[in-house]
C-alpha atoms as a PDB file:
ATOM      1  CA  UNK A   1     -58.364 -25.016  68.010  1.00  0.00           C
ATOM      2  CA  UNK A   2     -58.966 -28.540  69.150  1.00  0.00           C
ATOM      3  CA  UNK A   3     -58.211 -31.370  66.789  1.00  0.00           C
ATOM      4  CA  UNK A   4     -61.452 -33.358  66.739  1.00  0.00           C
ATOM      5  CA  UNK A   5     -59.766 -36.583  65.563  1.00  0.00           C
ATOM      6  CA  UNK A   6     -57.632 -36.843  68.733  1.00  0.00           C
ATOM      7  CA  UNK A   7     -59.826 -34.730  70.971  1.00  0.00           C
ATOM      8  CA  UNK A   8     -57.031 -32.352  72.023  1.00  0.00           C
ATOM      9  CA  UNK A   9     -54.758 -29.942  70.198  1.00  0.00           C
ATOM     10  CA  UNK A  10     -50.982 -30.551  70.213  1.00  0.00           C
ATOM     11  CA  UNK A  11     -50.478 -27.474  72.407  1.00  0.00           C
ATOM     12  CA  UNK A  12     -53.102 -28.740  74.885  1.00  0.00           C
ATOM     13  CA  UNK A  13     -51.396 -32.147  74.968  1.00  0.00           C
ATOM     14  CA  UNK A  14     -48.110 -30.420  75.845  1.00  0.00           C
ATOM     15  CA  UNK A  15     -49.730 -28.286  78.538  1.00  0.00           C
ATOM     16  CA  UNK A  16     -51.549 -31.312  79.996  1.00  0.00           C
ATOM     17  CA  UNK A  17     -48.435 -33.465  80.216  1.00  0.00           C
ATOM     18  CA  UNK A  18     -46.916 -34.788  83.416  1.00  0.00           C
ATOM     19  CA  UNK A  19     -43.580 -33.256  82.354  1.00  0.00           C
ATOM     20  CA  UNK A  20     -45.155 -29.796  82.241  1.00  0.00           C
ATOM     21  CA  UNK A  21     -46.705 -30.327  85.670  1.00  0.00           C
ATOM     22  CA  UNK A  22     -43.239 -31.243  86.981  1.00  0.00           C
ATOM     23  CA  UNK A  23     -41.783 -28.026  85.539  1.00  0.00           C
ATOM     24  CA  UNK A  24     -44.524 -25.904  87.085  1.00  0.00           C
ATOM     25  CA  UNK A  25     -44.215 -27.631  90.470  1.00  0.00           C
ATOM     26  CA  UNK A  26     -40.423 -27.189  90.479  1.00  0.00           C
ATOM     27  CA  UNK A  27     -40.716 -23.490  89.724  1.00  0.00           C
ATOM     28  CA  UNK A  28     -43.343 -23.027  92.421  1.00  0.00           C
ATOM     29  CA  UNK A  29     -41.238 -24.953  94.936  1.00  0.00           C
ATOM     30  CA  UNK A  30     -38.167 -22.835  94.117  1.00  0.00           C
ATOM     31  CA  UNK A  31     -40.163 -19.622  94.611  1.00  0.00           C
ATOM     32  CA  UNK A  32     -42.067 -20.737  97.693  1.00  0.00           C
ATOM     33  CA  UNK A  33     -40.433 -23.652  99.532  1.00  0.00           C
ATOM     34  CA  UNK A  34     -42.905 -25.788 101.417  1.00  0.00           C
ATOM     35  CA  UNK A  35     -45.368 -28.447 100.343  1.00  0.00           C
ATOM     36  CA  UNK A  36     -46.096 -28.618  96.606  1.00  0.00           C
ATOM     37  CA  UNK A  37     -48.046 -31.516  95.120  1.00  0.00           C
ATOM     38  CA  UNK A  38     -48.899 -32.770  91.663  1.00  0.00           C
ATOM     39  CA  UNK A  39     -52.293 -34.433  91.758  1.00  0.00           C
ATOM     40  CA  UNK A  40     -54.128 -36.432  89.124  1.00  0.00           C
ATOM     41  CA  UNK A  41     -57.642 -35.264  88.378  1.00  0.00           C
ATOM     42  CA  UNK A  42     -60.511 -36.875  86.501  1.00  0.00           C
ATOM     43  CA  UNK A  43     -60.753 -33.954  84.079  1.00  0.00           C
ATOM     44  CA  UNK A  44     -59.284 -34.870  80.639  1.00  0.00           C
ATOM     45  CA  UNK A  45     -58.626 -31.186  79.895  1.00  0.00           C
ATOM     46  CA  UNK A  46     -56.543 -30.879  83.092  1.00  0.00           C
ATOM     47  CA  UNK A  47     -55.326 -34.375  84.041  1.00  0.00           C
ATOM     48  CA  UNK A  48     -52.667 -33.000  86.431  1.00  0.00           C
ATOM     49  CA  UNK A  49     -52.902 -30.087  88.816  1.00  0.00           C
ATOM     50  CA  UNK A  50     -50.163 -28.433  90.853  1.00  0.00           C
ATOM     51  CA  UNK A  51     -51.218 -27.230  94.278  1.00  0.00           C
ATOM     52  CA  UNK A  52     -49.881 -26.444  97.732  1.00  0.00           C
ATOM     53  CA  UNK A  53     -52.424 -28.746  99.437  1.00  0.00           C
ATOM     54  CA  UNK A  54     -54.217 -31.504  97.520  1.00  0.00           C
ATOM     55  CA  UNK A  55     -57.988 -31.548  97.751  1.00  0.00           C
ATOM     56  CA  UNK A  56     -59.807 -34.502  99.272  1.00  0.00           C
ATOM     57  CA  UNK A  57     -60.235 -37.393  96.877  1.00  0.00           C
ATOM     58  CA  UNK A  58     -57.497 -36.435  94.444  1.00  0.00           C
ATOM     59  CA  UNK A  59     -54.625 -38.813  93.780  1.00  0.00           C
ATOM     60  CA  UNK A  60     -51.216 -37.393  94.712  1.00  0.00           C
ATOM     61  CA  UNK A  61     -48.642 -38.253  92.030  1.00  0.00           C
ATOM     62  CA  UNK A  62     -45.671 -36.265  93.416  1.00  0.00           C
ATOM     63  CA  UNK A  63     -45.139 -34.357  96.629  1.00  0.00           C
ATOM     64  CA  UNK A  64     -42.260 -31.946  97.274  1.00  0.00           C
ATOM     65  CA  UNK A  65     -41.680 -31.074 100.925  1.00  0.00           C
ATOM     66  CA  UNK A  66     -38.990 -28.934 102.485  1.00  0.00           C
END
Protein backbone atom coordinates (compact mmCIF):
# COMPACT_ATOMS: atom_id res chain seq x y z
CA UNK A 1 0.00 0.00 0.00
CA UNK A 2 1.14 3.50 -0.72
CA UNK A 3 1.50 5.92 2.13
CA UNK A 4 -0.57 8.91 1.01
CA UNK A 5 1.24 11.37 3.31
CA UNK A 6 4.60 10.84 1.55
CA UNK A 7 3.22 9.59 -1.74
CA UNK A 8 5.29 6.38 -1.77
CA UNK A 9 5.53 3.35 0.49
CA UNK A 10 8.83 2.62 2.29
CA UNK A 11 9.34 -0.47 0.11
CA UNK A 12 8.77 1.59 -3.05
CA UNK A 13 11.26 4.20 -1.82
CA UNK A 14 13.85 1.43 -1.36
CA UNK A 15 13.16 -0.04 -4.79
CA UNK A 16 13.30 3.41 -6.43
CA UNK A 17 16.62 4.35 -4.87
CA UNK A 18 19.82 5.03 -6.78
CA UNK A 19 21.57 2.45 -4.57
CA UNK A 20 19.16 -0.25 -5.73
CA UNK A 21 19.70 0.74 -9.36
CA UNK A 22 23.45 0.39 -8.79
CA UNK A 23 22.96 -3.12 -7.36
CA UNK A 24 20.80 -4.18 -10.29
CA UNK A 25 23.22 -2.71 -12.85
CA UNK A 26 26.20 -4.43 -11.21
CA UNK A 27 24.45 -7.79 -11.25
CA UNK A 28 23.45 -7.35 -14.89
CA UNK A 29 26.98 -6.30 -15.83
CA UNK A 30 28.45 -9.34 -14.05
CA UNK A 31 26.06 -11.67 -15.89
CA UNK A 32 26.32 -10.00 -19.29
CA UNK A 33 29.45 -7.85 -19.70
CA UNK A 34 28.98 -5.02 -22.14
CA UNK A 35 27.27 -1.66 -21.91
CA UNK A 36 24.93 -1.20 -18.93
CA UNK A 37 23.50 2.21 -18.06
CA UNK A 38 21.53 3.72 -15.23
CA UNK A 39 19.30 6.45 -16.59
CA UNK A 40 17.15 8.99 -14.80
CA UNK A 41 13.54 9.12 -15.93
CA UNK A 42 10.78 11.65 -15.34
CA UNK A 43 8.52 9.02 -13.78
CA UNK A 44 8.35 9.41 -9.95
CA UNK A 45 7.40 5.74 -9.58
CA UNK A 46 10.55 4.69 -11.48
CA UNK A 47 13.08 7.54 -11.21
CA UNK A 48 15.99 5.30 -12.32
CA UNK A 49 16.05 2.62 -14.97
CA UNK A 50 18.76 0.10 -15.77
CA UNK A 51 19.17 -0.71 -19.44
CA UNK A 52 21.69 -1.95 -21.98
CA UNK A 53 21.13 1.07 -24.27
CA UNK A 54 19.59 4.30 -22.98
CA UNK A 55 16.62 5.64 -24.89
CA UNK A 56 16.77 9.02 -26.59
CA UNK A 57 16.16 11.91 -24.23
CA UNK A 58 16.94 10.10 -21.00
CA UNK A 59 19.71 11.34 -18.74
CA UNK A 60 22.52 8.82 -18.23
CA UNK A 61 23.61 8.77 -14.57
CA UNK A 62 26.10 5.86 -14.75
CA UNK A 63 27.49 3.85 -17.62
CA UNK A 64 29.42 0.59 -17.26
CA UNK A 65 31.38 -0.48 -20.33
CA UNK A 66 33.68 -3.43 -20.81
